[in-house]
Each structure stands twice: as C-alpha cells, then as structure tokens.
Amino acid sequence: MTFTLPPGNTRLQAIVGDLDFLDDWDERYRYLIDLGRKLEPLPQEAYSEANRVPGCASQVWLLMGRNADGSLAIRGDSDALIVKGLVALVLAMFDGRPLAEVAGLDAPAFFVAIGLKDHLTSQRANGLASMVARIKAEAARG
C-alpha cells in the first residue's frame, strides 16, 4: 500500500517528518503522547455520549462541524495518553480539510506507510478505524 500526503497539509507533513526522524517505536510512542498532550481540552459539554466514538476501548470524543470555508472542523480528546496521541494524528489528517478530500483520504494506507499499523494492539487499531469511520461519515453528510 502506498500513501501520498495531501498537498497543503503541513501539519501532517511535519508529523510524518518527525516520525521518520525517530529511531524506534518507543520514541515514536513518546512523540504521539506529546502530540496528544498538546490538544486543547474540549468544552465540558462536549464529553457527551453523542460525541463519544463507539468501538474504542478507551473513551474517545470527537466534536465535529464546519469551518467558515466549509471544510471539516474537528476537535477531539481521549482519557488514555497513547490514544489521545492517535486522536491528534487523526486530527492532523482530517481537520481543516475539504469534505471531498476527506472522502478520498486512505487512512489505513497512511497508518501502514508510517508503520503504525504493525505497532498497535488490535483494540487500538479498531478504535483508530472507528475514529476514521466517524469522521468520514460526518464528511459524507456534507
């Protein structure tokens, strides 16, 4: 599987560059945890069942809407450090992107390309797939 980074997605490009620079998966996990720590907390009312992502072993919440230009606006959080880092990675991929681009992004190919798929437990991989499915469903609603 191959994945081409979307043009103009400098956040995702920077993350991929940082991950490529790191030597092993312990360092990459620490990097993902740091990404998660940089996420702004959601408003308290966003921690609701309506925003919770089913299929995740940890609690994950995604708050989605549209930016003024019609692109997808996503914020997220988790109660687990590594999963919160995965949320940050998913946000870098999809937040602020045009709806048509979101539909065409091959997230599984991206996770394979950066080596993440081979370093996740099946529960985390399922949770990651659930996050992506939720985001793509929101984008498909237009």
N, C-alpha and C. Protein backbone atom coordinates (compact mmCIF):
# COMPACT_ATOMS: atom_id res chain seq x y z
N MET A 1 0.84 -1.18 0.00
CA MET A 1 0.00 0.00 0.00
C MET A 1 0.88 1.24 0.00
N THR A 2 0.47 2.23 -0.76
CA THR A 2 1.20 3.49 -0.75
C THR A 2 0.25 4.60 -0.34
N PHE A 3 0.82 5.66 0.17
CA PHE A 3 0.02 6.80 0.59
C PHE A 3 0.76 8.06 0.17
N THR A 4 0.05 8.94 -0.48
CA THR A 4 0.61 10.23 -0.86
C THR A 4 0.04 11.28 0.07
N LEU A 5 0.91 12.03 0.72
CA LEU A 5 0.44 13.08 1.62
C LEU A 5 -0.34 14.12 0.83
N PRO A 6 -1.49 14.55 1.37
CA PRO A 6 -2.27 15.55 0.67
C PRO A 6 -1.49 16.86 0.55
N PRO A 7 -1.49 17.48 -0.62
CA PRO A 7 -0.78 18.75 -0.76
C PRO A 7 -1.41 19.80 0.16
N GLY A 8 -0.58 20.60 0.76
CA GLY A 8 -1.07 21.67 1.61
C GLY A 8 -1.35 21.27 3.05
N ASN A 9 -1.25 19.98 3.38
CA ASN A 9 -1.48 19.57 4.76
C ASN A 9 -0.14 19.58 5.50
N THR A 10 0.28 20.78 5.88
CA THR A 10 1.60 20.94 6.50
C THR A 10 1.67 20.30 7.88
N ARG A 11 0.55 20.26 8.61
CA ARG A 11 0.55 19.60 9.93
C ARG A 11 0.91 18.14 9.79
N LEU A 12 0.25 17.46 8.88
CA LEU A 12 0.50 16.03 8.69
C LEU A 12 1.90 15.81 8.13
N GLN A 13 2.34 16.66 7.22
CA GLN A 13 3.68 16.54 6.66
C GLN A 13 4.75 16.68 7.75
N ALA A 14 4.54 17.62 8.68
CA ALA A 14 5.50 17.82 9.77
C ALA A 14 5.55 16.59 10.69
N ILE A 15 4.39 16.03 10.98
CA ILE A 15 4.33 14.84 11.85
C ILE A 15 5.05 13.67 11.18
N VAL A 16 4.81 13.46 9.90
CA VAL A 16 5.47 12.37 9.18
C VAL A 16 6.98 12.58 9.19
N GLY A 17 7.42 13.81 8.98
CA GLY A 17 8.86 14.11 9.04
C GLY A 17 9.45 13.82 10.40
N ASP A 18 8.73 14.19 11.45
CA ASP A 18 9.20 13.92 12.81
C ASP A 18 9.27 12.42 13.08
N LEU A 19 8.24 11.69 12.68
CA LEU A 19 8.23 10.24 12.90
C LEU A 19 9.36 9.56 12.14
N ASP A 20 9.63 10.01 10.92
CA ASP A 20 10.74 9.45 10.14
C ASP A 20 12.08 9.66 10.82
N PHE A 21 12.21 10.77 11.52
CA PHE A 21 13.46 11.13 12.18
C PHE A 21 13.73 10.24 13.41
N LEU A 22 12.66 9.77 14.05
CA LEU A 22 12.80 8.99 15.29
C LEU A 22 13.22 7.56 14.97
N ASP A 23 14.12 7.03 15.80
CA ASP A 23 14.74 5.74 15.52
C ASP A 23 13.88 4.51 15.82
N ASP A 24 13.14 4.55 16.91
CA ASP A 24 12.41 3.33 17.29
C ASP A 24 11.00 3.68 17.76
N TRP A 25 10.21 2.62 17.99
CA TRP A 25 8.81 2.84 18.33
C TRP A 25 8.60 3.33 19.75
N ASP A 26 9.53 3.13 20.64
CA ASP A 26 9.40 3.76 21.97
C ASP A 26 9.43 5.27 21.83
N GLU A 27 10.35 5.77 21.01
CA GLU A 27 10.44 7.22 20.77
C GLU A 27 9.20 7.72 20.04
N ARG A 28 8.71 6.95 19.09
CA ARG A 28 7.53 7.36 18.33
C ARG A 28 6.29 7.39 19.22
N TYR A 29 6.16 6.43 20.13
CA TYR A 29 5.04 6.47 21.08
C TYR A 29 5.13 7.69 21.98
N ARG A 30 6.33 8.00 22.45
CA ARG A 30 6.50 9.22 23.27
C ARG A 30 6.11 10.46 22.48
N TYR A 31 6.48 10.48 21.21
CA TYR A 31 6.12 11.60 20.34
C TYR A 31 4.60 11.70 20.21
N LEU A 32 3.92 10.57 19.98
CA LEU A 32 2.46 10.58 19.87
C LEU A 32 1.82 11.06 21.17
N ILE A 33 2.36 10.62 22.31
CA ILE A 33 1.84 11.08 23.59
C ILE A 33 2.00 12.59 23.71
N ASP A 34 3.15 13.12 23.30
CA ASP A 34 3.37 14.57 23.32
C ASP A 34 2.37 15.30 22.42
N LEU A 35 2.09 14.73 21.25
CA LEU A 35 1.08 15.33 20.36
C LEU A 35 -0.27 15.40 21.07
N GLY A 36 -0.63 14.32 21.74
CA GLY A 36 -1.90 14.29 22.46
C GLY A 36 -1.96 15.30 23.59
N ARG A 37 -0.86 15.50 24.27
CA ARG A 37 -0.84 16.47 25.37
C ARG A 37 -1.04 17.90 24.88
N LYS A 38 -0.74 18.14 23.61
CA LYS A 38 -0.89 19.49 23.05
C LYS A 38 -2.32 19.80 22.60
N LEU A 39 -3.18 18.79 22.59
CA LEU A 39 -4.57 19.04 22.21
C LEU A 39 -5.25 19.92 23.25
N GLU A 40 -6.03 20.87 22.76
CA GLU A 40 -6.81 21.70 23.68
C GLU A 40 -7.97 20.86 24.22
N PRO A 41 -8.27 21.02 25.51
CA PRO A 41 -9.41 20.26 26.05
C PRO A 41 -10.71 20.71 25.38
N LEU A 42 -11.62 19.80 25.29
CA LEU A 42 -12.94 20.12 24.75
C LEU A 42 -13.75 20.86 25.81
N PRO A 43 -14.77 21.61 25.38
CA PRO A 43 -15.68 22.17 26.38
C PRO A 43 -16.34 21.02 27.15
N GLN A 44 -16.63 21.22 28.40
CA GLN A 44 -17.16 20.16 29.25
C GLN A 44 -18.38 19.48 28.64
N GLU A 45 -19.25 20.27 28.01
CA GLU A 45 -20.48 19.69 27.44
C GLU A 45 -20.20 18.78 26.24
N ALA A 46 -19.00 18.85 25.68
CA ALA A 46 -18.66 18.00 24.53
C ALA A 46 -18.35 16.56 24.94
N TYR A 47 -18.11 16.34 26.22
CA TYR A 47 -17.83 14.99 26.72
C TYR A 47 -19.17 14.27 26.94
N SER A 48 -19.88 14.09 25.84
CA SER A 48 -21.22 13.51 25.90
C SER A 48 -21.26 12.20 25.11
N GLU A 49 -22.30 11.46 25.33
CA GLU A 49 -22.49 10.20 24.61
C GLU A 49 -22.60 10.45 23.11
N ALA A 50 -23.20 11.57 22.72
CA ALA A 50 -23.36 11.88 21.29
C ALA A 50 -22.01 12.07 20.59
N ASN A 51 -21.00 12.54 21.32
CA ASN A 51 -19.68 12.78 20.73
C ASN A 51 -18.70 11.64 20.99
N ARG A 52 -19.11 10.67 21.79
CA ARG A 52 -18.22 9.54 22.08
C ARG A 52 -18.15 8.63 20.86
N VAL A 53 -16.95 8.12 20.60
CA VAL A 53 -16.75 7.24 19.45
C VAL A 53 -16.91 5.79 19.92
N PRO A 54 -17.95 5.10 19.46
CA PRO A 54 -18.09 3.69 19.83
C PRO A 54 -17.01 2.86 19.15
N GLY A 55 -16.68 1.74 19.76
CA GLY A 55 -15.67 0.86 19.17
C GLY A 55 -14.27 1.11 19.68
N CYS A 56 -14.12 2.09 20.55
CA CYS A 56 -12.81 2.39 21.14
C CYS A 56 -12.79 1.80 22.55
N ALA A 57 -11.71 1.11 22.90
CA ALA A 57 -11.59 0.56 24.25
C ALA A 57 -11.48 1.68 25.27
N SER A 58 -10.75 2.73 24.93
CA SER A 58 -10.65 3.92 25.77
C SER A 58 -11.79 4.85 25.39
N GLN A 59 -12.04 5.83 26.23
CA GLN A 59 -13.04 6.84 25.91
C GLN A 59 -12.44 7.81 24.89
N VAL A 60 -13.12 8.02 23.78
CA VAL A 60 -12.71 8.98 22.75
C VAL A 60 -13.93 9.81 22.39
N TRP A 61 -13.71 11.12 22.32
CA TRP A 61 -14.76 12.04 21.92
C TRP A 61 -14.29 12.86 20.74
N LEU A 62 -15.15 13.00 19.74
CA LEU A 62 -14.87 13.85 18.59
C LEU A 62 -15.99 14.87 18.46
N LEU A 63 -15.61 16.12 18.38
CA LEU A 63 -16.55 17.23 18.20
C LEU A 63 -16.33 17.74 16.78
N MET A 64 -17.36 17.63 15.94
CA MET A 64 -17.18 17.95 14.52
C MET A 64 -18.19 18.99 14.06
N GLY A 65 -17.74 19.78 13.11
CA GLY A 65 -18.57 20.80 12.49
C GLY A 65 -17.91 21.26 11.20
N ARG A 66 -18.20 22.49 10.81
CA ARG A 66 -17.63 23.05 9.59
C ARG A 66 -16.93 24.37 9.92
N ASN A 67 -15.83 24.62 9.22
CA ASN A 67 -15.17 25.92 9.27
C ASN A 67 -15.92 26.87 8.35
N ALA A 68 -15.59 28.15 8.41
CA ALA A 68 -16.26 29.16 7.58
C ALA A 68 -16.15 28.84 6.09
N ASP A 69 -15.05 28.20 5.68
CA ASP A 69 -14.86 27.86 4.26
C ASP A 69 -15.53 26.53 3.88
N GLY A 70 -16.25 25.92 4.81
CA GLY A 70 -16.95 24.66 4.54
C GLY A 70 -16.13 23.42 4.81
N SER A 71 -14.86 23.59 5.13
CA SER A 71 -14.01 22.43 5.43
C SER A 71 -14.40 21.83 6.78
N LEU A 72 -13.92 20.63 7.01
CA LEU A 72 -14.25 19.91 8.24
C LEU A 72 -13.50 20.49 9.43
N ALA A 73 -14.22 20.77 10.50
CA ALA A 73 -13.62 21.25 11.75
C ALA A 73 -13.77 20.13 12.78
N ILE A 74 -12.65 19.65 13.31
CA ILE A 74 -12.70 18.54 14.26
C ILE A 74 -11.83 18.89 15.46
N ARG A 75 -12.36 18.59 16.63
CA ARG A 75 -11.57 18.60 17.86
C ARG A 75 -11.81 17.26 18.53
N GLY A 76 -10.88 16.83 19.35
CA GLY A 76 -11.04 15.53 19.97
C GLY A 76 -10.27 15.40 21.25
N ASP A 77 -10.57 14.33 21.98
CA ASP A 77 -9.90 14.05 23.24
C ASP A 77 -10.08 12.57 23.57
N SER A 78 -9.25 12.10 24.48
CA SER A 78 -9.35 10.73 24.98
C SER A 78 -8.89 10.72 26.43
N ASP A 79 -9.31 9.69 27.15
CA ASP A 79 -8.88 9.55 28.54
C ASP A 79 -7.61 8.71 28.67
N ALA A 80 -7.03 8.28 27.55
CA ALA A 80 -5.80 7.47 27.56
C ALA A 80 -4.71 8.20 26.77
N LEU A 81 -3.50 8.22 27.31
CA LEU A 81 -2.43 9.02 26.72
C LEU A 81 -2.08 8.64 25.29
N ILE A 82 -1.83 7.38 25.03
CA ILE A 82 -1.45 6.98 23.67
C ILE A 82 -2.62 7.21 22.72
N VAL A 83 -3.82 6.88 23.15
CA VAL A 83 -4.99 7.08 22.30
C VAL A 83 -5.20 8.56 22.01
N LYS A 84 -4.94 9.41 22.99
CA LYS A 84 -5.04 10.85 22.78
C LYS A 84 -4.04 11.28 21.70
N GLY A 85 -2.87 10.67 21.67
CA GLY A 85 -1.91 10.92 20.60
C GLY A 85 -2.42 10.46 19.25
N LEU A 86 -3.11 9.33 19.24
CA LEU A 86 -3.72 8.85 17.99
C LEU A 86 -4.82 9.80 17.52
N VAL A 87 -5.57 10.35 18.48
CA VAL A 87 -6.57 11.36 18.14
C VAL A 87 -5.89 12.55 17.48
N ALA A 88 -4.77 13.00 18.05
CA ALA A 88 -4.04 14.14 17.47
C ALA A 88 -3.57 13.82 16.05
N LEU A 89 -3.12 12.60 15.82
CA LEU A 89 -2.68 12.19 14.49
C LEU A 89 -3.85 12.21 13.50
N VAL A 90 -4.99 11.69 13.91
CA VAL A 90 -6.18 11.68 13.06
C VAL A 90 -6.65 13.11 12.78
N LEU A 91 -6.59 13.97 13.79
CA LEU A 91 -6.98 15.37 13.57
C LEU A 91 -6.05 16.03 12.56
N ALA A 92 -4.76 15.75 12.65
CA ALA A 92 -3.81 16.32 11.69
C ALA A 92 -4.14 15.88 10.27
N MET A 93 -4.66 14.69 10.13
CA MET A 93 -5.01 14.17 8.81
C MET A 93 -6.29 14.81 8.26
N PHE A 94 -7.30 15.02 9.10
CA PHE A 94 -8.62 15.39 8.61
C PHE A 94 -9.09 16.81 8.94
N ASP A 95 -8.65 17.38 10.04
CA ASP A 95 -9.15 18.69 10.46
C ASP A 95 -8.76 19.77 9.44
N GLY A 96 -9.73 20.57 9.06
CA GLY A 96 -9.48 21.67 8.14
C GLY A 96 -9.43 21.27 6.68
N ARG A 97 -9.66 20.03 6.38
CA ARG A 97 -9.58 19.54 5.00
C ARG A 97 -10.95 19.67 4.32
N PRO A 98 -10.95 19.93 3.02
CA PRO A 98 -12.22 19.98 2.27
C PRO A 98 -12.93 18.63 2.36
N LEU A 99 -14.26 18.68 2.37
CA LEU A 99 -15.04 17.45 2.53
C LEU A 99 -14.73 16.43 1.44
N ALA A 100 -14.56 16.87 0.20
CA ALA A 100 -14.25 15.94 -0.90
C ALA A 100 -12.90 15.27 -0.68
N GLU A 101 -11.95 15.99 -0.10
CA GLU A 101 -10.63 15.40 0.17
C GLU A 101 -10.73 14.36 1.28
N VAL A 102 -11.54 14.64 2.29
CA VAL A 102 -11.71 13.70 3.41
C VAL A 102 -12.18 12.35 2.89
N ALA A 103 -13.13 12.37 1.98
CA ALA A 103 -13.67 11.12 1.44
C ALA A 103 -12.59 10.30 0.74
N GLY A 104 -11.63 10.97 0.11
CA GLY A 104 -10.61 10.28 -0.66
C GLY A 104 -9.36 9.89 0.10
N LEU A 105 -9.23 10.34 1.34
CA LEU A 105 -8.03 10.01 2.12
C LEU A 105 -8.06 8.55 2.55
N ASP A 106 -7.01 7.84 2.26
CA ASP A 106 -6.90 6.42 2.60
C ASP A 106 -6.13 6.30 3.92
N ALA A 107 -6.86 6.49 5.02
CA ALA A 107 -6.22 6.46 6.34
C ALA A 107 -5.53 5.13 6.62
N PRO A 108 -6.14 3.96 6.31
CA PRO A 108 -5.43 2.71 6.57
C PRO A 108 -4.08 2.63 5.85
N ALA A 109 -4.02 3.11 4.61
CA ALA A 109 -2.75 3.10 3.87
C ALA A 109 -1.74 4.02 4.53
N PHE A 110 -2.21 5.14 5.07
CA PHE A 110 -1.32 6.06 5.79
C PHE A 110 -0.74 5.38 7.03
N PHE A 111 -1.60 4.70 7.80
CA PHE A 111 -1.13 4.04 9.02
C PHE A 111 -0.13 2.93 8.71
N VAL A 112 -0.32 2.25 7.58
CA VAL A 112 0.65 1.24 7.13
C VAL A 112 1.95 1.93 6.72
N ALA A 113 1.84 3.01 5.95
CA ALA A 113 3.02 3.70 5.42
C ALA A 113 3.94 4.23 6.52
N ILE A 114 3.36 4.68 7.63
CA ILE A 114 4.20 5.19 8.73
C ILE A 114 4.57 4.10 9.73
N GLY A 115 4.14 2.87 9.47
CA GLY A 115 4.50 1.75 10.33
C GLY A 115 3.64 1.61 11.56
N LEU A 116 2.61 2.43 11.68
CA LEU A 116 1.78 2.43 12.88
C LEU A 116 0.96 1.16 13.01
N LYS A 117 0.44 0.68 11.91
CA LYS A 117 -0.45 -0.49 11.94
C LYS A 117 0.20 -1.70 12.62
N ASP A 118 1.49 -1.87 12.39
CA ASP A 118 2.20 -3.02 12.97
C ASP A 118 2.54 -2.84 14.44
N HIS A 119 2.29 -1.66 14.99
CA HIS A 119 2.68 -1.38 16.37
C HIS A 119 1.50 -1.02 17.26
N LEU A 120 0.30 -1.38 16.81
CA LEU A 120 -0.89 -1.13 17.62
C LEU A 120 -1.52 -2.44 18.04
N THR A 121 -2.07 -2.47 19.24
CA THR A 121 -2.87 -3.62 19.64
C THR A 121 -4.12 -3.66 18.77
N SER A 122 -4.77 -4.79 18.70
CA SER A 122 -5.98 -4.89 17.88
C SER A 122 -7.06 -3.94 18.40
N GLN A 123 -7.13 -3.75 19.72
CA GLN A 123 -8.13 -2.83 20.29
C GLN A 123 -7.87 -1.40 19.83
N ARG A 124 -6.59 -0.97 19.86
CA ARG A 124 -6.28 0.39 19.42
C ARG A 124 -6.50 0.54 17.92
N ALA A 125 -6.15 -0.48 17.15
CA ALA A 125 -6.38 -0.44 15.70
C ALA A 125 -7.87 -0.33 15.39
N ASN A 126 -8.69 -1.07 16.13
CA ASN A 126 -10.14 -0.99 15.94
C ASN A 126 -10.66 0.40 16.32
N GLY A 127 -10.14 0.95 17.41
CA GLY A 127 -10.54 2.29 17.82
C GLY A 127 -10.16 3.34 16.80
N LEU A 128 -8.96 3.20 16.24
CA LEU A 128 -8.49 4.12 15.21
C LEU A 128 -9.41 4.04 13.99
N ALA A 129 -9.76 2.83 13.59
CA ALA A 129 -10.68 2.64 12.46
C ALA A 129 -12.05 3.25 12.77
N SER A 130 -12.51 3.15 14.01
CA SER A 130 -13.79 3.74 14.39
C SER A 130 -13.75 5.26 14.31
N MET A 131 -12.63 5.86 14.73
CA MET A 131 -12.49 7.32 14.62
C MET A 131 -12.57 7.76 13.16
N VAL A 132 -11.81 7.08 12.31
CA VAL A 132 -11.78 7.43 10.89
C VAL A 132 -13.17 7.25 10.27
N ALA A 133 -13.85 6.16 10.60
CA ALA A 133 -15.19 5.92 10.06
C ALA A 133 -16.16 7.02 10.49
N ARG A 134 -16.06 7.44 11.74
CA ARG A 134 -16.95 8.51 12.24
C ARG A 134 -16.69 9.81 11.50
N ILE A 135 -15.43 10.14 11.27
CA ILE A 135 -15.08 11.37 10.56
C ILE A 135 -15.54 11.31 9.11
N LYS A 136 -15.32 10.19 8.46
CA LYS A 136 -15.74 10.06 7.05
C LYS A 136 -17.27 10.12 6.93
N ALA A 137 -17.98 9.55 7.89
CA ALA A 137 -19.45 9.62 7.88
C ALA A 137 -19.91 11.07 8.03
N GLU A 138 -19.25 11.82 8.90
CA GLU A 138 -19.59 13.24 9.08
C GLU A 138 -19.34 14.02 7.80
N ALA A 139 -18.21 13.76 7.15
CA ALA A 139 -17.88 14.46 5.90
C ALA A 139 -18.88 14.09 4.80
N ALA A 140 -19.32 12.84 4.78
CA ALA A 140 -20.26 12.39 3.75
C ALA A 140 -21.63 13.06 3.89
N ARG A 141 -21.96 13.49 5.10
CA ARG A 141 -23.23 14.18 5.32
C ARG A 141 -23.24 15.55 4.63
N GLY A 142 -22.03 16.04 4.34
CA GLY A 142 -21.92 17.33 3.64
C GLY A 142 -22.25 18.44 4.46
